[in-house]
Each structure stands twice: as C-alpha cells, then as structure tokens.
Amino acid sequence: MKKSIIAALCGLLTACASPDITQYQKAEPKLDLVHYFVGKTDAWGMFQKRSGEVVKRFHVEITGTHNNGKLVLDEQFKYDDGTTQQRIWTLTQTADGSWRGTADDVKGEAVGKIAGNALNWRYTMYLPVDGKTYEVQFDDWMFLIDDKSMLNRASMQKFGFELGQVTLFFKKRD
C-alpha cells in the first residue's frame, strides 16, 4: 500500500514538471530579449480556467526601453470587461546569461533562462480576486516565432495545483 501511494505521488510530481529549457538550445530564430522588446510591441491574450473556459481576454501595449543594462517593459493592459492595469517590469541579465525581473505585483524576483528561441520565467505574482490577494506561481514560457512574432503560454498554480493558463500572442510594431 505504501509503495503504491509513493509511486502515485512521484507520478504526480513528475506530471507537474515542465520541460528543460536546454531542449530548445538549437531552435531558431534565437531569442534576444532586448532586441525583441525595445520599442513598441502589442500583445493579445486570454486567461483560461483549468477546465478550458475563457474567463478574461485582454490587449497589452508594451513600451520597452534599455538603459544602463536594464530592460524596462511598461505594459498597459486593457481587459474585455473595460478595466485597465499597468505593470512595469525591470529586467536585468546576469553574468551567467539568465534574467532577473521585478514588478510591483511580483513577489521577490522572477528568474528566467533563455535557450534558442525560448524563454522560461518562474515567479510568484500577487493576484487580486474579489477583494482578496493570493500568491500564485507562474511557469511562463515564451517562444520567438520570427523577428516580429512571439507566443507565450503560462501555467498558474497555487499549492502545486493548476488554476489555469494564460496565453498571449506578441507582435512587434514596425
């Protein structure tokens, strides 16, 4: 009995694991975060519950600047219910090539790694819902498709259980 419970728990933990970023090392085109985000970028996205139900759609206008080794992304969200939100990310690349990021609604630092055309971010975000604020974990994957297009899929979890997915399409402006 104990062995079957342990095996089931190990299977659950393995199922929650995400891919290793290094598997994308040879994928083209290579993602250069600064090159892609400096300037104006639009993004369109949605949040889906784990059941697949879409509960929120949004458009984001992003202005990226790069000064003194910091990439700043000013994100202006417009949601389908008429609400708006601003998030300002400040990103820095470390000596080992990974990225660190902060924003007002992120607990501590987001940690990201790039390999080939992919970026994987992990962070905890403060999420307000019905007058309460929850800490939820994001496993966030971005994939550069071409020099103007990027896809983003993030899994949102609490206590190791998936709450839903955020999907975005980014389009770099000319």
C-alpha atoms as a PDB file:
ATOM      1  CA  MET A   1       0.000   0.000   0.000  1.00  0.00           C
ATOM      2  CA  LYS A   2       2.751   2.468   0.976  1.00  0.00           C
ATOM      3  CA  LYS A   3       4.668   1.725  -2.225  1.00  0.00           C
ATOM      4  CA  SER A   4       1.622   2.428  -4.398  1.00  0.00           C
ATOM      5  CA  ILE A   5       0.978   5.749  -2.607  1.00  0.00           C
ATOM      6  CA  ILE A   6       4.620   6.775  -3.030  1.00  0.00           C
ATOM      7  CA  ALA A   7       4.555   5.767  -6.702  1.00  0.00           C
ATOM      8  CA  ALA A   8       1.366   7.774  -7.248  1.00  0.00           C
ATOM      9  CA  LEU A   9       2.877  10.849  -5.555  1.00  0.00           C
ATOM     10  CA  CYS A  10       6.049  10.561  -7.641  1.00  0.00           C
ATOM     11  CA  GLY A  11       3.916  10.313 -10.775  1.00  0.00           C
ATOM     12  CA  LEU A  12       2.009  13.427  -9.757  1.00  0.00           C
ATOM     13  CA  LEU A  13       5.223  15.373  -9.156  1.00  0.00           C
ATOM     14  CA  THR A  14       6.644  14.275 -12.496  1.00  0.00           C
ATOM     15  CA  ALA A  15       3.432  15.293 -14.280  1.00  0.00           C
ATOM     16  CA  CYS A  16       3.763  18.816 -12.856  1.00  0.00           C
ATOM     17  CA  ALA A  17       7.355  19.244 -14.027  1.00  0.00           C
ATOM     18  CA  SER A  18       7.909  21.481 -17.007  1.00  0.00           C
ATOM     19  CA  PRO A  19      10.321  20.859 -19.903  1.00  0.00           C
ATOM     20  CA  ASP A  20      14.025  21.589 -19.554  1.00  0.00           C
ATOM     21  CA  ILE A  21      14.872  24.893 -21.289  1.00  0.00           C
ATOM     22  CA  THR A  22      18.042  23.402 -22.797  1.00  0.00           C
ATOM     23  CA  GLN A  23      15.990  21.226 -25.170  1.00  0.00           C
ATOM     24  CA  TYR A  24      15.348  24.418 -27.197  1.00  0.00           C
ATOM     25  CA  GLN A  25      19.044  25.373 -27.474  1.00  0.00           C
ATOM     26  CA  LYS A  26      19.195  24.755 -31.236  1.00  0.00           C
ATOM     27  CA  ALA A  27      15.764  26.257 -32.043  1.00  0.00           C
ATOM     28  CA  GLU A  28      15.740  29.227 -34.421  1.00  0.00           C
ATOM     29  CA  PRO A  29      15.397  32.149 -34.535  1.00  0.00           C
ATOM     30  CA  LYS A  30      17.461  32.862 -31.423  1.00  0.00           C
ATOM     31  CA  LEU A  31      15.652  34.991 -28.863  1.00  0.00           C
ATOM     32  CA  ASP A  32      17.376  38.260 -27.944  1.00  0.00           C
ATOM     33  CA  LEU A  33      15.106  39.746 -25.283  1.00  0.00           C
ATOM     34  CA  VAL A  34      16.467  43.295 -25.585  1.00  0.00           C
ATOM     35  CA  HIS A  35      16.304  43.318 -29.382  1.00  0.00           C
ATOM     36  CA  TYR A  36      12.746  41.995 -29.394  1.00  0.00           C
ATOM     37  CA  PHE A  37      11.232  44.236 -26.716  1.00  0.00           C
ATOM     38  CA  VAL A  38      12.943  47.619 -27.224  1.00  0.00           C
ATOM     39  CA  GLY A  39      10.351  49.830 -28.910  1.00  0.00           C
ATOM     40  CA  LYS A  40       6.619  49.148 -29.197  1.00  0.00           C
ATOM     41  CA  THR A  41       5.012  45.725 -29.012  1.00  0.00           C
ATOM     42  CA  ASP A  42       1.361  44.676 -28.865  1.00  0.00           C
ATOM     43  CA  ALA A  43       0.078  41.526 -27.220  1.00  0.00           C
ATOM     44  CA  TRP A  44      -3.344  39.871 -27.176  1.00  0.00           C
ATOM     45  CA  GLY A  45      -4.184  37.258 -24.600  1.00  0.00           C
ATOM     46  CA  MET A  46      -6.660  35.346 -22.527  1.00  0.00           C
ATOM     47  CA  PHE A  47      -6.923  33.582 -19.200  1.00  0.00           C
ATOM     48  CA  GLN A  48      -8.489  30.125 -19.138  1.00  0.00           C
ATOM     49  CA  LYS A  49      -9.561  28.183 -16.074  1.00  0.00           C
ATOM     50  CA  ARG A  50      -8.151  24.676 -15.832  1.00  0.00           C
ATOM     51  CA  SER A  51     -11.449  23.461 -17.327  1.00  0.00           C
ATOM     52  CA  GLY A  52     -10.593  25.389 -20.515  1.00  0.00           C
ATOM     53  CA  GLU A  53     -13.247  28.082 -20.016  1.00  0.00           C
ATOM     54  CA  VAL A  54     -12.001  31.505 -21.156  1.00  0.00           C
ATOM     55  CA  VAL A  55     -12.785  33.976 -18.362  1.00  0.00           C
ATOM     56  CA  LYS A  56     -10.829  37.061 -19.400  1.00  0.00           C
ATOM     57  CA  ARG A  57      -9.383  38.466 -22.626  1.00  0.00           C
ATOM     58  CA  PHE A  58      -7.033  41.421 -22.950  1.00  0.00           C
ATOM     59  CA  HIS A  59      -4.818  43.597 -25.128  1.00  0.00           C
ATOM     60  CA  VAL A  60      -1.440  44.885 -23.918  1.00  0.00           C
ATOM     61  CA  GLU A  61       0.544  47.792 -25.320  1.00  0.00           C
ATOM     62  CA  ILE A  62       4.196  47.397 -24.325  1.00  0.00           C
ATOM     63  CA  THR A  63       6.875  50.067 -24.476  1.00  0.00           C
ATOM     64  CA  GLY A  64      10.381  48.694 -23.991  1.00  0.00           C
ATOM     65  CA  THR A  65      13.459  50.753 -23.166  1.00  0.00           C
ATOM     66  CA  HIS A  66      17.040  49.668 -22.457  1.00  0.00           C
ATOM     67  CA  ASN A  67      19.260  51.876 -20.280  1.00  0.00           C
ATOM     68  CA  ASN A  68      22.247  51.127 -18.051  1.00  0.00           C
ATOM     69  CA  GLY A  69      21.897  47.374 -18.562  1.00  0.00           C
ATOM     70  CA  LYS A  70      18.206  47.333 -17.582  1.00  0.00           C
ATOM     71  CA  LEU A  71      15.360  46.394 -19.893  1.00  0.00           C
ATOM     72  CA  VAL A  72      12.176  48.156 -18.749  1.00  0.00           C
ATOM     73  CA  LEU A  73       8.816  46.955 -20.094  1.00  0.00           C
ATOM     74  CA  ASP A  74       5.906  49.313 -19.466  1.00  0.00           C
ATOM     75  CA  GLU A  75       2.800  47.178 -20.016  1.00  0.00           C
ATOM     76  CA  GLN A  76      -0.626  48.829 -20.399  1.00  0.00           C
ATOM     77  CA  PHE A  77      -3.426  46.233 -20.120  1.00  0.00           C
ATOM     78  CA  LYS A  78      -6.977  46.719 -21.417  1.00  0.00           C
ATOM     79  CA  TYR A  79      -9.332  43.912 -20.381  1.00  0.00           C
ATOM     80  CA  ASP A  80     -12.543  42.853 -22.111  1.00  0.00           C
ATOM     81  CA  ASP A  81     -14.578  43.956 -19.082  1.00  0.00           C
ATOM     82  CA  GLY A  82     -13.352  47.555 -19.534  1.00  0.00           C
ATOM     83  CA  THR A  83     -10.807  47.531 -16.696  1.00  0.00           C
ATOM     84  CA  THR A  84      -7.180  48.601 -17.158  1.00  0.00           C
ATOM     85  CA  GLN A  85      -3.911  47.791 -15.440  1.00  0.00           C
ATOM     86  CA  GLN A  86      -0.280  48.843 -15.684  1.00  0.00           C
ATOM     87  CA  ARG A  87       2.679  46.586 -14.914  1.00  0.00           C
ATOM     88  CA  ILE A  88       6.254  47.779 -15.223  1.00  0.00           C
ATOM     89  CA  TRP A  89       8.882  45.059 -15.428  1.00  0.00           C
ATOM     90  CA  THR A  90      12.534  45.884 -14.787  1.00  0.00           C
ATOM     91  CA  LEU A  91      14.744  43.124 -16.200  1.00  0.00           C
ATOM     92  CA  THR A  92      18.488  42.587 -15.881  1.00  0.00           C
ATOM     93  CA  GLN A  93      20.700  39.945 -17.419  1.00  0.00           C
ATOM     94  CA  THR A  94      23.105  38.229 -15.028  1.00  0.00           C
ATOM     95  CA  ALA A  95      26.684  37.146 -15.681  1.00  0.00           C
ATOM     96  CA  ASP A  96      25.567  33.568 -16.393  1.00  0.00           C
ATOM     97  CA  GLY A  97      23.135  34.776 -19.096  1.00  0.00           C
ATOM     98  CA  SER A  98      19.957  34.254 -17.084  1.00  0.00           C
ATOM     99  CA  TRP A  99      17.483  37.067 -16.476  1.00  0.00           C
ATOM    100  CA  ARG A 100      16.039  38.536 -13.280  1.00  0.00           C
ATOM    101  CA  GLY A 101      12.907  40.647 -13.227  1.00  0.00           C
ATOM    102  CA  THR A 102      10.875  42.683 -10.777  1.00  0.00           C
ATOM    103  CA  ALA A 103       7.431  44.284 -10.919  1.00  0.00           C
ATOM    104  CA  ASP A 104       5.167  45.729  -8.226  1.00  0.00           C
ATOM    105  CA  ASP A 105       2.812  42.739  -8.299  1.00  0.00           C
ATOM    106  CA  VAL A 106       5.610  40.122  -8.314  1.00  0.00           C
ATOM    107  CA  LYS A 107       6.902  38.710  -5.040  1.00  0.00           C
ATOM    108  CA  GLY A 108      10.696  38.891  -4.987  1.00  0.00           C
ATOM    109  CA  GLU A 109      12.272  38.282  -8.371  1.00  0.00           C
ATOM    110  CA  ALA A 110      11.222  36.453 -11.493  1.00  0.00           C
ATOM    111  CA  VAL A 111      14.005  34.198 -12.731  1.00  0.00           C
ATOM    112  CA  GLY A 112      14.302  33.451 -16.433  1.00  0.00           C
ATOM    113  CA  LYS A 113      16.522  31.412 -18.701  1.00  0.00           C
ATOM    114  CA  ILE A 114      16.841  31.586 -22.481  1.00  0.00           C
ATOM    115  CA  ALA A 115      17.838  28.769 -24.818  1.00  0.00           C
ATOM    116  CA  GLY A 116      17.460  29.092 -28.581  1.00  0.00           C
ATOM    117  CA  ASN A 117      14.064  30.642 -29.325  1.00  0.00           C
ATOM    118  CA  ALA A 118      12.631  30.026 -25.826  1.00  0.00           C
ATOM    119  CA  LEU A 119      12.471  31.860 -22.516  1.00  0.00           C
ATOM    120  CA  ASN A 120      11.207  30.232 -19.328  1.00  0.00           C
ATOM    121  CA  TRP A 121      10.229  32.531 -16.437  1.00  0.00           C
ATOM    122  CA  ARG A 122       9.276  31.408 -12.948  1.00  0.00           C
ATOM    123  CA  TYR A 123       7.803  33.802 -10.431  1.00  0.00           C
ATOM    124  CA  THR A 124       5.167  34.378  -7.782  1.00  0.00           C
ATOM    125  CA  MET A 125       2.571  37.031  -8.513  1.00  0.00           C
ATOM    126  CA  TYR A 126       0.142  38.778  -6.186  1.00  0.00           C
ATOM    127  CA  LEU A 127      -3.267  38.173  -7.773  1.00  0.00           C
ATOM    128  CA  PRO A 128      -6.256  40.212  -6.538  1.00  0.00           C
ATOM    129  CA  VAL A 129      -9.579  38.336  -6.678  1.00  0.00           C
ATOM    130  CA  ASP A 130     -12.831  39.595  -5.148  1.00  0.00           C
ATOM    131  CA  GLY A 131     -11.153  41.863  -2.593  1.00  0.00           C
ATOM    132  CA  LYS A 132      -8.507  39.331  -1.541  1.00  0.00           C
ATOM    133  CA  THR A 133      -4.940  38.931  -2.788  1.00  0.00           C
ATOM    134  CA  TYR A 134      -3.466  35.500  -3.446  1.00  0.00           C
ATOM    135  CA  GLU A 135       0.125  34.459  -4.154  1.00  0.00           C
ATOM    136  CA  VAL A 136       0.168  32.305  -7.279  1.00  0.00           C
ATOM    137  CA  GLN A 137       3.122  30.711  -9.040  1.00  0.00           C
ATOM    138  CA  PHE A 138       3.741  31.140 -12.753  1.00  0.00           C
ATOM    139  CA  ASP A 139       5.660  28.812 -15.042  1.00  0.00           C
ATOM    140  CA  ASP A 140       5.856  31.106 -18.043  1.00  0.00           C
ATOM    141  CA  TRP A 141       7.150  30.054 -21.492  1.00  0.00           C
ATOM    142  CA  MET A 142       7.789  32.407 -24.416  1.00  0.00           C
ATOM    143  CA  PHE A 143       8.717  31.212 -27.918  1.00  0.00           C
ATOM    144  CA  LEU A 144      10.022  33.519 -30.650  1.00  0.00           C
ATOM    145  CA  ILE A 145       8.356  32.541 -33.938  1.00  0.00           C
ATOM    146  CA  ASP A 146      10.003  35.142 -36.200  1.00  0.00           C
ATOM    147  CA  ASP A 147      11.530  38.612 -35.762  1.00  0.00           C
ATOM    148  CA  LYS A 148       8.069  40.161 -35.128  1.00  0.00           C
ATOM    149  CA  SER A 149       6.004  37.355 -33.534  1.00  0.00           C
ATOM    150  CA  MET A 150       6.197  35.549 -30.206  1.00  0.00           C
ATOM    151  CA  LEU A 151       3.877  33.123 -28.418  1.00  0.00           C
ATOM    152  CA  ASN A 152       3.557  32.932 -24.634  1.00  0.00           C
ATOM    153  CA  ARG A 153       1.916  30.263 -22.505  1.00  0.00           C
ATOM    154  CA  ALA A 154       1.953  30.406 -18.730  1.00  0.00           C
ATOM    155  CA  SER A 155       0.623  27.946 -16.200  1.00  0.00           C
ATOM    156  CA  MET A 156      -0.710  29.494 -12.999  1.00  0.00           C
ATOM    157  CA  GLN A 157      -0.606  27.347  -9.858  1.00  0.00           C
ATOM    158  CA  LYS A 158      -1.402  27.529  -6.163  1.00  0.00           C
ATOM    159  CA  PHE A 159      -0.117  24.837  -3.768  1.00  0.00           C
ATOM    160  CA  GLY A 160       1.073  22.864  -6.807  1.00  0.00           C
ATOM    161  CA  PHE A 161      -2.391  22.695  -8.379  1.00  0.00           C
ATOM    162  CA  GLU A 162      -3.003  24.358 -11.704  1.00  0.00           C
ATOM    163  CA  LEU A 163      -5.575  27.151 -11.563  1.00  0.00           C
ATOM    164  CA  GLY A 164      -5.436  27.944 -15.246  1.00  0.00           C
ATOM    165  CA  GLN A 165      -3.412  29.101 -18.233  1.00  0.00           C
ATOM    166  CA  VAL A 166      -2.547  32.483 -19.696  1.00  0.00           C
ATOM    167  CA  THR A 167      -1.927  32.529 -23.452  1.00  0.00           C
ATOM    168  CA  LEU A 168      -0.550  35.552 -25.344  1.00  0.00           C
ATOM    169  CA  PHE A 169       0.471  36.436 -28.864  1.00  0.00           C
ATOM    170  CA  PHE A 170       3.046  39.251 -29.199  1.00  0.00           C
ATOM    171  CA  LYS A 171       3.525  41.301 -32.362  1.00  0.00           C
ATOM    172  CA  LYS A 172       6.445  43.734 -32.639  1.00  0.00           C
ATOM    173  CA  ARG A 173       5.481  47.042 -34.242  1.00  0.00           C
ATOM    174  CA  ASP A 174       7.485  48.447 -37.171  1.00  0.00           C
END
